[in-house]
């Protein structure tokens, strides 16, 4: 075993069977290379059926209980004896073919110029627009880009993002790369911004279209490729990294602005002149951002969406 899959749970651990369904469908030789660490709250014994199912499929697994929030889990994960680590939130899904490809090509992280490997996610930052181009048809893509243009930015996380309205409500065409250039030049640390992150209707629309028209495409293998990427920020719902590099990043207190490792990861990448590696043509799903959880009915929609995926993708 060389790769520790650290699965961070919170309040939606009922989503876990769908993600682990695909882990258990990986190639046998790749299942033997990974170890699942299920990082939980409360009594880990209640996860025994989940762990037994993974072990029956040839995946080593254990549950570890924590009392506090995200950073305690991260600090534990970076000290485990594995060459590579993955951090995986409970609200992301990736099929076995993409997981196999990453495991078989994880040595791309041995290049010190590469910070982390990430799939393309449906609402990912910086991968949402690539997802729309590679997965959605022209009409669906145009509909989402129209929603991006209708998104008005304001104050968020203590900063004013209104300057980005020049790319949305003040623009006639959505230009993702021009948007990211302005984000990259902005001096503030919270660069994980995109219209999709603050527009709940756009997140709902992406998920509704996936459920209606693209679940078969989600399950299919694709001609994946590891593609270096220089966008300024990675929203790290799922990423793979050298454990030793991850440890150095989370132990560098100069990189922090809050008790999470997302800003430190991106600041490290920028300061060192490194790059992300994006798994091109992968089809990852991230349900919704907690940025918009206050939107009426969104959490109930999220549960219905995942149940719809489960009914279509699990036997």
C-alpha atoms as a PDB file:
ATOM      1  CA  UNK A   1       0.000   0.000   0.000  1.00  0.00           C
ATOM      2  CA  UNK A   2       1.393   3.369  -1.035  1.00  0.00           C
ATOM      3  CA  UNK A   3      -1.640   5.707  -1.136  1.00  0.00           C
ATOM      4  CA  UNK A   4      -3.755   6.684   1.854  1.00  0.00           C
ATOM      5  CA  UNK A   5      -7.274   7.798   0.911  1.00  0.00           C
ATOM      6  CA  UNK A   6      -8.290  10.113   3.759  1.00  0.00           C
ATOM      7  CA  UNK A   7     -12.071  10.444   3.629  1.00  0.00           C
ATOM      8  CA  UNK A   8     -13.265  13.409   5.696  1.00  0.00           C
ATOM      9  CA  UNK A   9     -16.787  12.922   7.074  1.00  0.00           C
ATOM     10  CA  UNK A  10     -19.121  15.482   8.598  1.00  0.00           C
ATOM     11  CA  UNK A  11     -22.916  15.384   8.508  1.00  0.00           C
ATOM     12  CA  UNK A  12     -23.379  13.523   5.198  1.00  0.00           C
ATOM     13  CA  UNK A  13     -21.749  10.174   5.785  1.00  0.00           C
ATOM     14  CA  UNK A  14     -24.827   8.570   4.195  1.00  0.00           C
ATOM     15  CA  UNK A  15     -23.218   9.626   0.894  1.00  0.00           C
ATOM     16  CA  UNK A  16     -20.204   7.373   1.495  1.00  0.00           C
ATOM     17  CA  UNK A  17     -21.599   4.118   0.009  1.00  0.00           C
ATOM     18  CA  UNK A  18     -21.735   5.715  -3.447  1.00  0.00           C
ATOM     19  CA  UNK A  19     -18.103   6.857  -3.390  1.00  0.00           C
ATOM     20  CA  UNK A  20     -16.910   3.534  -1.983  1.00  0.00           C
ATOM     21  CA  UNK A  21     -18.927   1.682  -4.634  1.00  0.00           C
ATOM     22  CA  UNK A  22     -16.406   2.971  -7.167  1.00  0.00           C
ATOM     23  CA  UNK A  23     -13.386   2.340  -4.945  1.00  0.00           C
ATOM     24  CA  UNK A  24     -14.447  -1.316  -4.707  1.00  0.00           C
ATOM     25  CA  UNK A  25     -14.705  -1.501  -8.519  1.00  0.00           C
ATOM     26  CA  UNK A  26     -11.109  -0.425  -9.118  1.00  0.00           C
ATOM     27  CA  UNK A  27      -8.703  -2.931 -10.642  1.00  0.00           C
ATOM     28  CA  UNK A  28      -7.565  -5.517  -8.053  1.00  0.00           C
ATOM     29  CA  UNK A  29      -3.925  -4.447  -8.303  1.00  0.00           C
ATOM     30  CA  UNK A  30      -4.920  -0.839  -7.645  1.00  0.00           C
ATOM     31  CA  UNK A  31      -7.188  -1.722  -4.738  1.00  0.00           C
ATOM     32  CA  UNK A  32      -4.140  -3.387  -3.213  1.00  0.00           C
ATOM     33  CA  UNK A  33      -2.184  -0.119  -3.514  1.00  0.00           C
ATOM     34  CA  UNK A  34      -4.634   2.021  -1.555  1.00  0.00           C
ATOM     35  CA  UNK A  35      -5.647   2.254   2.081  1.00  0.00           C
ATOM     36  CA  UNK A  36      -8.837   3.999   3.217  1.00  0.00           C
ATOM     37  CA  UNK A  37      -8.710   6.076   6.388  1.00  0.00           C
ATOM     38  CA  UNK A  38     -12.263   7.055   7.294  1.00  0.00           C
ATOM     39  CA  UNK A  39     -11.963  10.137   9.510  1.00  0.00           C
ATOM     40  CA  UNK A  40     -15.143  10.352  11.559  1.00  0.00           C
ATOM     41  CA  UNK A  41     -16.892  11.906  14.543  1.00  0.00           C
ATOM     42  CA  UNK A  42     -18.408   9.754  17.259  1.00  0.00           C
ATOM     43  CA  UNK A  43     -18.126   5.994  17.645  1.00  0.00           C
ATOM     44  CA  UNK A  44     -16.113   4.459  14.762  1.00  0.00           C
ATOM     45  CA  UNK A  45     -17.790   1.105  15.435  1.00  0.00           C
ATOM     46  CA  UNK A  46     -20.888   2.280  13.568  1.00  0.00           C
ATOM     47  CA  UNK A  47     -18.822   2.305  10.379  1.00  0.00           C
ATOM     48  CA  UNK A  48     -18.012  -1.410  10.708  1.00  0.00           C
ATOM     49  CA  UNK A  49     -20.318  -2.465   7.821  1.00  0.00           C
ATOM     50  CA  UNK A  50     -18.669   0.091   5.529  1.00  0.00           C
ATOM     51  CA  UNK A  51     -15.182  -1.059   6.487  1.00  0.00           C
ATOM     52  CA  UNK A  52     -16.135  -4.737   6.162  1.00  0.00           C
ATOM     53  CA  UNK A  53     -17.405  -4.081   2.641  1.00  0.00           C
ATOM     54  CA  UNK A  54     -14.157  -2.404   1.637  1.00  0.00           C
ATOM     55  CA  UNK A  55     -12.031  -5.183   3.148  1.00  0.00           C
ATOM     56  CA  UNK A  56     -14.112  -7.843   1.408  1.00  0.00           C
ATOM     57  CA  UNK A  57     -13.226  -6.108  -1.867  1.00  0.00           C
ATOM     58  CA  UNK A  58      -9.518  -6.200  -1.028  1.00  0.00           C
ATOM     59  CA  UNK A  59      -9.224  -2.610   0.193  1.00  0.00           C
ATOM     60  CA  UNK A  60      -7.455  -2.087   3.523  1.00  0.00           C
ATOM     61  CA  UNK A  61      -9.488   0.290   5.670  1.00  0.00           C
ATOM     62  CA  UNK A  62      -9.940   1.692   9.159  1.00  0.00           C
ATOM     63  CA  UNK A  63     -12.001   4.363  10.889  1.00  0.00           C
ATOM     64  CA  UNK A  64     -10.398   6.956  13.169  1.00  0.00           C
ATOM     65  CA  UNK A  65     -12.488   9.131  15.496  1.00  0.00           C
ATOM     66  CA  UNK A  66     -11.861  12.860  16.043  1.00  0.00           C
ATOM     67  CA  UNK A  67     -13.378  15.344  18.465  1.00  0.00           C
ATOM     68  CA  UNK A  68     -12.732  18.584  16.620  1.00  0.00           C
ATOM     69  CA  UNK A  69     -12.974  19.951  13.129  1.00  0.00           C
ATOM     70  CA  UNK A  70     -11.104  19.761   9.845  1.00  0.00           C
ATOM     71  CA  UNK A  71      -7.545  20.699  10.779  1.00  0.00           C
ATOM     72  CA  UNK A  72      -7.173  17.991  13.418  1.00  0.00           C
ATOM     73  CA  UNK A  73      -7.933  15.400  10.734  1.00  0.00           C
ATOM     74  CA  UNK A  74      -5.481  17.008   8.330  1.00  0.00           C
ATOM     75  CA  UNK A  75      -2.682  17.031  10.893  1.00  0.00           C
ATOM     76  CA  UNK A  76      -3.299  13.351  11.577  1.00  0.00           C
ATOM     77  CA  UNK A  77      -3.346  12.473   7.870  1.00  0.00           C
ATOM     78  CA  UNK A  78      -0.017  14.116   7.046  1.00  0.00           C
ATOM     79  CA  UNK A  79       1.787  11.971   9.615  1.00  0.00           C
ATOM     80  CA  UNK A  80       0.666   8.592   8.280  1.00  0.00           C
ATOM     81  CA  UNK A  81       3.314   6.263   6.772  1.00  0.00           C
ATOM     82  CA  UNK A  82       2.269   6.443   3.119  1.00  0.00           C
ATOM     83  CA  UNK A  83       4.187   7.887   0.179  1.00  0.00           C
ATOM     84  CA  UNK A  84       1.081   9.549  -1.257  1.00  0.00           C
ATOM     85  CA  UNK A  85      -2.117  10.825   0.303  1.00  0.00           C
ATOM     86  CA  UNK A  86      -5.518  11.846  -0.926  1.00  0.00           C
ATOM     87  CA  UNK A  87      -7.926  14.150   0.840  1.00  0.00           C
ATOM     88  CA  UNK A  88     -11.520  13.300  -0.087  1.00  0.00           C
ATOM     89  CA  UNK A  89     -14.663  15.052   1.118  1.00  0.00           C
ATOM     90  CA  UNK A  90     -17.839  13.048   1.641  1.00  0.00           C
ATOM     91  CA  UNK A  91     -19.749  14.966  -1.060  1.00  0.00           C
ATOM     92  CA  UNK A  92     -17.612  14.044  -4.099  1.00  0.00           C
ATOM     93  CA  UNK A  93     -17.872  11.138  -6.535  1.00  0.00           C
ATOM     94  CA  UNK A  94     -15.437   9.768  -9.117  1.00  0.00           C
ATOM     95  CA  UNK A  95     -15.745   6.546 -11.080  1.00  0.00           C
ATOM     96  CA  UNK A  96     -13.377   3.602 -10.842  1.00  0.00           C
ATOM     97  CA  UNK A  97     -11.766   4.278 -14.219  1.00  0.00           C
ATOM     98  CA  UNK A  98     -10.578   7.752 -13.195  1.00  0.00           C
ATOM     99  CA  UNK A  99      -9.454   6.427  -9.808  1.00  0.00           C
ATOM    100  CA  UNK A 100      -7.475   3.661 -11.536  1.00  0.00           C
ATOM    101  CA  UNK A 101      -5.828   6.187 -13.833  1.00  0.00           C
ATOM    102  CA  UNK A 102      -4.755   8.392 -10.934  1.00  0.00           C
ATOM    103  CA  UNK A 103      -3.383   5.471  -8.922  1.00  0.00           C
ATOM    104  CA  UNK A 104      -1.463   4.161 -11.946  1.00  0.00           C
ATOM    105  CA  UNK A 105       0.006   7.596 -12.658  1.00  0.00           C
ATOM    106  CA  UNK A 106       0.436   8.948  -9.142  1.00  0.00           C
ATOM    107  CA  UNK A 107       4.212   9.121  -9.631  1.00  0.00           C
ATOM    108  CA  UNK A 108       3.592  12.369 -11.533  1.00  0.00           C
ATOM    109  CA  UNK A 109       3.721  13.832  -8.013  1.00  0.00           C
ATOM    110  CA  UNK A 110       7.364  12.809  -7.693  1.00  0.00           C
ATOM    111  CA  UNK A 111       8.141  15.860  -9.812  1.00  0.00           C
ATOM    112  CA  UNK A 112       8.664  18.655  -7.229  1.00  0.00           C
ATOM    113  CA  UNK A 113       7.102  21.116  -9.682  1.00  0.00           C
ATOM    114  CA  UNK A 114       3.690  19.463  -9.190  1.00  0.00           C
ATOM    115  CA  UNK A 115       1.770  20.425  -6.058  1.00  0.00           C
ATOM    116  CA  UNK A 116      -1.270  18.151  -6.280  1.00  0.00           C
ATOM    117  CA  UNK A 117      -3.381  16.091  -8.677  1.00  0.00           C
ATOM    118  CA  UNK A 118      -7.087  16.852  -8.994  1.00  0.00           C
ATOM    119  CA  UNK A 119      -9.854  15.486 -11.212  1.00  0.00           C
ATOM    120  CA  UNK A 120     -12.158  17.764 -13.143  1.00  0.00           C
ATOM    121  CA  UNK A 121     -15.250  18.459 -11.023  1.00  0.00           C
ATOM    122  CA  UNK A 122     -18.704  19.539 -12.133  1.00  0.00           C
ATOM    123  CA  UNK A 123     -18.555  22.767 -10.113  1.00  0.00           C
ATOM    124  CA  UNK A 124     -14.842  22.680  -9.371  1.00  0.00           C
ATOM    125  CA  UNK A 125     -12.526  25.641  -9.121  1.00  0.00           C
ATOM    126  CA  UNK A 126     -10.674  25.894 -11.479  1.00  0.00           C
ATOM    127  CA  UNK A 127     -12.224  22.966 -13.411  1.00  0.00           C
ATOM    128  CA  UNK A 128     -15.936  23.801 -13.777  1.00  0.00           C
ATOM    129  CA  UNK A 129     -15.568  25.396 -17.217  1.00  0.00           C
ATOM    130  CA  UNK A 130     -13.475  22.493 -18.473  1.00  0.00           C
ATOM    131  CA  UNK A 131     -16.167  20.140 -17.204  1.00  0.00           C
ATOM    132  CA  UNK A 132     -18.868  22.028 -19.111  1.00  0.00           C
ATOM    133  CA  UNK A 133     -16.787  21.945 -22.303  1.00  0.00           C
ATOM    134  CA  UNK A 134     -15.945  18.243 -22.045  1.00  0.00           C
ATOM    135  CA  UNK A 135     -19.213  16.807 -20.711  1.00  0.00           C
ATOM    136  CA  UNK A 136     -22.203  19.029 -21.466  1.00  0.00           C
ATOM    137  CA  UNK A 137     -23.636  19.582 -24.934  1.00  0.00           C
ATOM    138  CA  UNK A 138     -23.550  23.056 -26.457  1.00  0.00           C
ATOM    139  CA  UNK A 139     -27.053  23.991 -25.279  1.00  0.00           C
ATOM    140  CA  UNK A 140     -26.444  22.976 -21.673  1.00  0.00           C
ATOM    141  CA  UNK A 141     -23.078  24.676 -21.626  1.00  0.00           C
ATOM    142  CA  UNK A 142     -24.578  27.892 -23.016  1.00  0.00           C
ATOM    143  CA  UNK A 143     -27.345  27.801 -20.412  1.00  0.00           C
ATOM    144  CA  UNK A 144     -24.820  27.575 -17.579  1.00  0.00           C
ATOM    145  CA  UNK A 145     -22.613  30.292 -19.019  1.00  0.00           C
ATOM    146  CA  UNK A 146     -25.693  32.503 -19.176  1.00  0.00           C
ATOM    147  CA  UNK A 147     -26.208  31.866 -15.464  1.00  0.00           C
ATOM    148  CA  UNK A 148     -22.587  32.783 -14.788  1.00  0.00           C
ATOM    149  CA  UNK A 149     -23.097  36.086 -16.612  1.00  0.00           C
ATOM    150  CA  UNK A 150     -26.143  36.810 -14.427  1.00  0.00           C
ATOM    151  CA  UNK A 151     -24.158  36.330 -11.195  1.00  0.00           C
ATOM    152  CA  UNK A 152     -23.501  39.476  -9.175  1.00  0.00           C
ATOM    153  CA  UNK A 153     -20.538  39.495  -6.793  1.00  0.00           C
ATOM    154  CA  UNK A 154     -20.382  41.456  -3.557  1.00  0.00           C
ATOM    155  CA  UNK A 155     -18.870  41.022  -0.116  1.00  0.00           C
ATOM    156  CA  UNK A 156     -17.895  37.500   0.875  1.00  0.00           C
ATOM    157  CA  UNK A 157     -15.456  36.112   3.489  1.00  0.00           C
ATOM    158  CA  UNK A 158     -14.690  39.659   4.603  1.00  0.00           C
ATOM    159  CA  UNK A 159     -13.655  40.912   1.152  1.00  0.00           C
ATOM    160  CA  UNK A 160     -15.387  42.769  -1.673  1.00  0.00           C
ATOM    161  CA  UNK A 161     -15.517  40.771  -4.907  1.00  0.00           C
ATOM    162  CA  UNK A 162     -17.567  43.359  -6.813  1.00  0.00           C
ATOM    163  CA  UNK A 163     -14.625  44.059  -9.143  1.00  0.00           C
ATOM    164  CA  UNK A 164     -15.365  40.667 -10.747  1.00  0.00           C
ATOM    165  CA  UNK A 165     -18.757  41.890 -11.973  1.00  0.00           C
ATOM    166  CA  UNK A 166     -16.932  43.193 -15.045  1.00  0.00           C
ATOM    167  CA  UNK A 167     -16.836  39.537 -16.137  1.00  0.00           C
ATOM    168  CA  UNK A 168     -20.459  38.739 -15.293  1.00  0.00           C
ATOM    169  CA  UNK A 169     -23.325  41.247 -15.076  1.00  0.00           C
ATOM    170  CA  UNK A 170     -21.274  43.898 -16.892  1.00  0.00           C
ATOM    171  CA  UNK A 171     -20.135  41.541 -19.678  1.00  0.00           C
ATOM    172  CA  UNK A 172     -21.824  40.182 -22.777  1.00  0.00           C
ATOM    173  CA  UNK A 173     -19.793  36.948 -23.021  1.00  0.00           C
ATOM    174  CA  UNK A 174     -18.453  34.603 -20.350  1.00  0.00           C
ATOM    175  CA  UNK A 175     -14.642  34.444 -20.524  1.00  0.00           C
ATOM    176  CA  UNK A 176     -13.392  32.106 -17.805  1.00  0.00           C
ATOM    177  CA  UNK A 177      -9.693  32.716 -18.400  1.00  0.00           C
ATOM    178  CA  UNK A 178     -10.061  36.497 -18.250  1.00  0.00           C
ATOM    179  CA  UNK A 179     -11.971  36.026 -14.996  1.00  0.00           C
ATOM    180  CA  UNK A 180      -9.185  33.881 -13.512  1.00  0.00           C
ATOM    181  CA  UNK A 181      -6.496  36.359 -14.604  1.00  0.00           C
ATOM    182  CA  UNK A 182      -8.187  39.048 -12.527  1.00  0.00           C
ATOM    183  CA  UNK A 183      -8.521  36.640  -9.594  1.00  0.00           C
ATOM    184  CA  UNK A 184      -4.837  35.725  -9.839  1.00  0.00           C
ATOM    185  CA  UNK A 185      -3.796  39.395  -9.795  1.00  0.00           C
ATOM    186  CA  UNK A 186      -5.917  40.193  -6.744  1.00  0.00           C
ATOM    187  CA  UNK A 187      -3.764  40.375  -3.575  1.00  0.00           C
ATOM    188  CA  UNK A 188      -6.199  38.733  -1.150  1.00  0.00           C
ATOM    189  CA  UNK A 189      -5.841  35.047  -0.154  1.00  0.00           C
ATOM    190  CA  UNK A 190      -9.378  33.754  -0.833  1.00  0.00           C
ATOM    191  CA  UNK A 191      -9.105  33.126  -4.554  1.00  0.00           C
ATOM    192  CA  UNK A 192     -11.457  30.122  -4.639  1.00  0.00           C
ATOM    193  CA  UNK A 193     -14.094  32.162  -6.418  1.00  0.00           C
ATOM    194  CA  UNK A 194     -16.197  31.583  -9.530  1.00  0.00           C
ATOM    195  CA  UNK A 195     -19.820  32.390 -10.359  1.00  0.00           C
ATOM    196  CA  UNK A 196     -20.767  28.769  -9.711  1.00  0.00           C
ATOM    197  CA  UNK A 197     -19.613  28.994  -6.097  1.00  0.00           C
ATOM    198  CA  UNK A 198     -21.967  31.824  -5.162  1.00  0.00           C
ATOM    199  CA  UNK A 199     -24.886  31.037  -7.479  1.00  0.00           C
ATOM    200  CA  UNK A 200     -27.091  28.274  -6.014  1.00  0.00           C
ATOM    201  CA  UNK A 201     -29.282  28.156  -9.118  1.00  0.00           C
ATOM    202  CA  UNK A 202     -26.216  27.335 -11.235  1.00  0.00           C
ATOM    203  CA  UNK A 203     -25.184  24.528  -8.887  1.00  0.00           C
ATOM    204  CA  UNK A 204     -28.701  23.106  -8.967  1.00  0.00           C
ATOM    205  CA  UNK A 205     -28.843  23.383 -12.759  1.00  0.00           C
ATOM    206  CA  UNK A 206     -25.570  21.471 -13.218  1.00  0.00           C
ATOM    207  CA  UNK A 207     -26.754  18.675 -10.950  1.00  0.00           C
ATOM    208  CA  UNK A 208     -30.200  18.471 -12.545  1.00  0.00           C
ATOM    209  CA  UNK A 209     -28.634  18.131 -15.990  1.00  0.00           C
ATOM    210  CA  UNK A 210     -26.186  15.474 -14.779  1.00  0.00           C
ATOM    211  CA  UNK A 211     -29.059  13.439 -13.366  1.00  0.00           C
ATOM    212  CA  UNK A 212     -31.246  13.882 -16.431  1.00  0.00           C
ATOM    213  CA  UNK A 213     -28.728  13.353 -19.221  1.00  0.00           C
ATOM    214  CA  UNK A 214     -25.190  12.535 -18.144  1.00  0.00           C
ATOM    215  CA  UNK A 215     -25.122   9.693 -15.607  1.00  0.00           C
ATOM    216  CA  UNK A 216     -24.159   7.191 -18.320  1.00  0.00           C
ATOM    217  CA  UNK A 217     -21.292   9.481 -19.298  1.00  0.00           C
ATOM    218  CA  UNK A 218     -20.194   9.647 -15.656  1.00  0.00           C
ATOM    219  CA  UNK A 219     -19.796   5.861 -15.495  1.00  0.00           C
ATOM    220  CA  UNK A 220     -17.842   5.485 -18.736  1.00  0.00           C
ATOM    221  CA  UNK A 221     -14.041   5.303 -19.099  1.00  0.00           C
ATOM    222  CA  UNK A 222     -12.426   8.163 -20.995  1.00  0.00           C
ATOM    223  CA  UNK A 223      -9.012   8.862 -22.542  1.00  0.00           C
ATOM    224  CA  UNK A 224      -7.633  10.571 -19.442  1.00  0.00           C
ATOM    225  CA  UNK A 225      -4.494  12.684 -19.407  1.00  0.00           C
ATOM    226  CA  UNK A 226      -2.398  14.368 -16.722  1.00  0.00           C
ATOM    227  CA  UNK A 227      -2.336  18.064 -17.631  1.00  0.00           C
ATOM    228  CA  UNK A 228      -0.244  20.676 -15.763  1.00  0.00           C
ATOM    229  CA  UNK A 229      -2.315  23.703 -14.763  1.00  0.00           C
ATOM    230  CA  UNK A 230      -1.336  27.146 -13.501  1.00  0.00           C
ATOM    231  CA  UNK A 231      -4.630  28.534 -12.172  1.00  0.00           C
ATOM    232  CA  UNK A 232      -4.116  30.418  -8.912  1.00  0.00           C
ATOM    233  CA  UNK A 233      -6.312  28.386  -6.567  1.00  0.00           C
ATOM    234  CA  UNK A 234      -7.664  24.866  -6.090  1.00  0.00           C
ATOM    235  CA  UNK A 235     -10.859  24.182  -4.169  1.00  0.00           C
ATOM    236  CA  UNK A 236      -9.625  20.956  -2.681  1.00  0.00           C
ATOM    237  CA  UNK A 237     -12.689  18.725  -2.395  1.00  0.00           C
ATOM    238  CA  UNK A 238     -10.518  15.846  -3.634  1.00  0.00           C
ATOM    239  CA  UNK A 239      -6.814  15.903  -4.371  1.00  0.00           C
ATOM    240  CA  UNK A 240      -3.768  13.609  -4.335  1.00  0.00           C
ATOM    241  CA  UNK A 241      -0.404  14.806  -3.020  1.00  0.00           C
ATOM    242  CA  UNK A 242       2.973  13.543  -1.822  1.00  0.00           C
ATOM    243  CA  UNK A 243       2.485  13.033   1.913  1.00  0.00           C
ATOM    244  CA  UNK A 244       5.798  14.645   2.762  1.00  0.00           C
ATOM    245  CA  UNK A 245       4.923  17.770   0.745  1.00  0.00           C
ATOM    246  CA  UNK A 246       1.463  17.964   2.320  1.00  0.00           C
ATOM    247  CA  UNK A 247       3.076  17.735   5.751  1.00  0.00           C
ATOM    248  CA  UNK A 248       5.486  20.593   4.988  1.00  0.00           C
ATOM    249  CA  UNK A 249       2.612  22.740   3.739  1.00  0.00           C
ATOM    250  CA  UNK A 250       0.295  22.234   6.718  1.00  0.00           C
ATOM    251  CA  UNK A 251       3.157  22.761   9.178  1.00  0.00           C
ATOM    252  CA  UNK A 252       4.100  26.119   7.627  1.00  0.00           C
ATOM    253  CA  UNK A 253       2.152  28.566   9.778  1.00  0.00           C
ATOM    254  CA  UNK A 254       3.019  31.478   7.475  1.00  0.00           C
ATOM    255  CA  UNK A 255       0.623  30.059   4.864  1.00  0.00           C
ATOM    256  CA  UNK A 256      -2.518  30.121   7.030  1.00  0.00           C
ATOM    257  CA  UNK A 257      -5.387  32.590   7.234  1.00  0.00           C
ATOM    258  CA  UNK A 258      -7.960  30.181   8.760  1.00  0.00           C
ATOM    259  CA  UNK A 259      -8.069  26.637  10.240  1.00  0.00           C
ATOM    260  CA  UNK A 260      -8.126  24.890   6.853  1.00  0.00           C
ATOM    261  CA  UNK A 261      -5.409  23.814   4.445  1.00  0.00           C
ATOM    262  CA  UNK A 262      -6.983  25.122   1.220  1.00  0.00           C
ATOM    263  CA  UNK A 263      -5.335  28.555   1.295  1.00  0.00           C
ATOM    264  CA  UNK A 264      -1.970  27.090   2.422  1.00  0.00           C
ATOM    265  CA  UNK A 265      -2.041  24.600  -0.454  1.00  0.00           C
ATOM    266  CA  UNK A 266      -2.640  27.319  -3.029  1.00  0.00           C
ATOM    267  CA  UNK A 267      -0.218  29.787  -1.425  1.00  0.00           C
ATOM    268  CA  UNK A 268       2.504  27.140  -1.444  1.00  0.00           C
ATOM    269  CA  UNK A 269       1.859  26.441  -5.116  1.00  0.00           C
ATOM    270  CA  UNK A 270       2.067  30.124  -6.005  1.00  0.00           C
ATOM    271  CA  UNK A 271       5.124  30.928  -3.870  1.00  0.00           C
ATOM    272  CA  UNK A 272       7.093  27.947  -5.183  1.00  0.00           C
ATOM    273  CA  UNK A 273       6.089  28.491  -8.812  1.00  0.00           C
ATOM    274  CA  UNK A 274       4.605  24.992  -8.949  1.00  0.00           C
ATOM    275  CA  UNK A 275       1.581  23.706 -10.868  1.00  0.00           C
ATOM    276  CA  UNK A 276      -1.488  21.652 -10.255  1.00  0.00           C
ATOM    277  CA  UNK A 277      -1.959  18.519 -12.346  1.00  0.00           C
ATOM    278  CA  UNK A 278      -5.528  18.190 -13.630  1.00  0.00           C
ATOM    279  CA  UNK A 279      -6.867  14.818 -14.769  1.00  0.00           C
ATOM    280  CA  UNK A 280      -8.187  15.885 -18.134  1.00  0.00           C
ATOM    281  CA  UNK A 281     -11.472  14.337 -19.312  1.00  0.00           C
ATOM    282  CA  UNK A 282     -12.252  12.955 -15.870  1.00  0.00           C
ATOM    283  CA  UNK A 283     -15.848  13.473 -14.733  1.00  0.00           C
ATOM    284  CA  UNK A 284     -15.987  14.175 -11.021  1.00  0.00           C
ATOM    285  CA  UNK A 285     -19.126  15.302  -9.228  1.00  0.00           C
ATOM    286  CA  UNK A 286     -19.149  17.669  -6.271  1.00  0.00           C
ATOM    287  CA  UNK A 287     -22.664  18.179  -4.947  1.00  0.00           C
ATOM    288  CA  UNK A 288     -22.868  21.792  -3.679  1.00  0.00           C
ATOM    289  CA  UNK A 289     -20.692  24.361  -1.925  1.00  0.00           C
ATOM    290  CA  UNK A 290     -21.485  25.268   1.665  1.00  0.00           C
ATOM    291  CA  UNK A 291     -21.160  28.895   0.496  1.00  0.00           C
ATOM    292  CA  UNK A 292     -24.812  28.673  -0.611  1.00  0.00           C
ATOM    293  CA  UNK A 293     -26.248  26.365   2.060  1.00  0.00           C
ATOM    294  CA  UNK A 294     -28.527  29.182   3.213  1.00  0.00           C
ATOM    295  CA  UNK A 295     -30.456  28.948  -0.062  1.00  0.00           C
ATOM    296  CA  UNK A 296     -33.947  27.651   0.652  1.00  0.00           C
ATOM    297  CA  UNK A 297     -34.297  23.904   0.181  1.00  0.00           C
ATOM    298  CA  UNK A 298     -30.745  23.380  -1.091  1.00  0.00           C
ATOM    299  CA  UNK A 299     -29.751  20.758   1.475  1.00  0.00           C
ATOM    300  CA  UNK A 300     -32.894  18.727   0.700  1.00  0.00           C
ATOM    301  CA  UNK A 301     -32.079  19.044  -3.000  1.00  0.00           C
ATOM    302  CA  UNK A 302     -28.550  17.794  -2.349  1.00  0.00           C
ATOM    303  CA  UNK A 303     -29.893  14.661  -0.633  1.00  0.00           C
ATOM    304  CA  UNK A 304     -32.331  14.006  -3.491  1.00  0.00           C
ATOM    305  CA  UNK A 305     -29.560  14.481  -6.032  1.00  0.00           C
ATOM    306  CA  UNK A 306     -27.252  11.959  -4.360  1.00  0.00           C
ATOM    307  CA  UNK A 307     -30.108   9.479  -3.976  1.00  0.00           C
ATOM    308  CA  UNK A 308     -30.823   9.889  -7.689  1.00  0.00           C
ATOM    309  CA  UNK A 309     -27.189   9.160  -8.504  1.00  0.00           C
ATOM    310  CA  UNK A 310     -27.250   6.127  -6.227  1.00  0.00           C
ATOM    311  CA  UNK A 311     -30.333   4.695  -7.919  1.00  0.00           C
ATOM    312  CA  UNK A 312     -28.784   5.103 -11.373  1.00  0.00           C
ATOM    313  CA  UNK A 313     -25.190   4.093 -10.627  1.00  0.00           C
ATOM    314  CA  UNK A 314     -25.338   1.413  -7.940  1.00  0.00           C
ATOM    315  CA  UNK A 315     -26.802  -2.060  -8.574  1.00  0.00           C
END
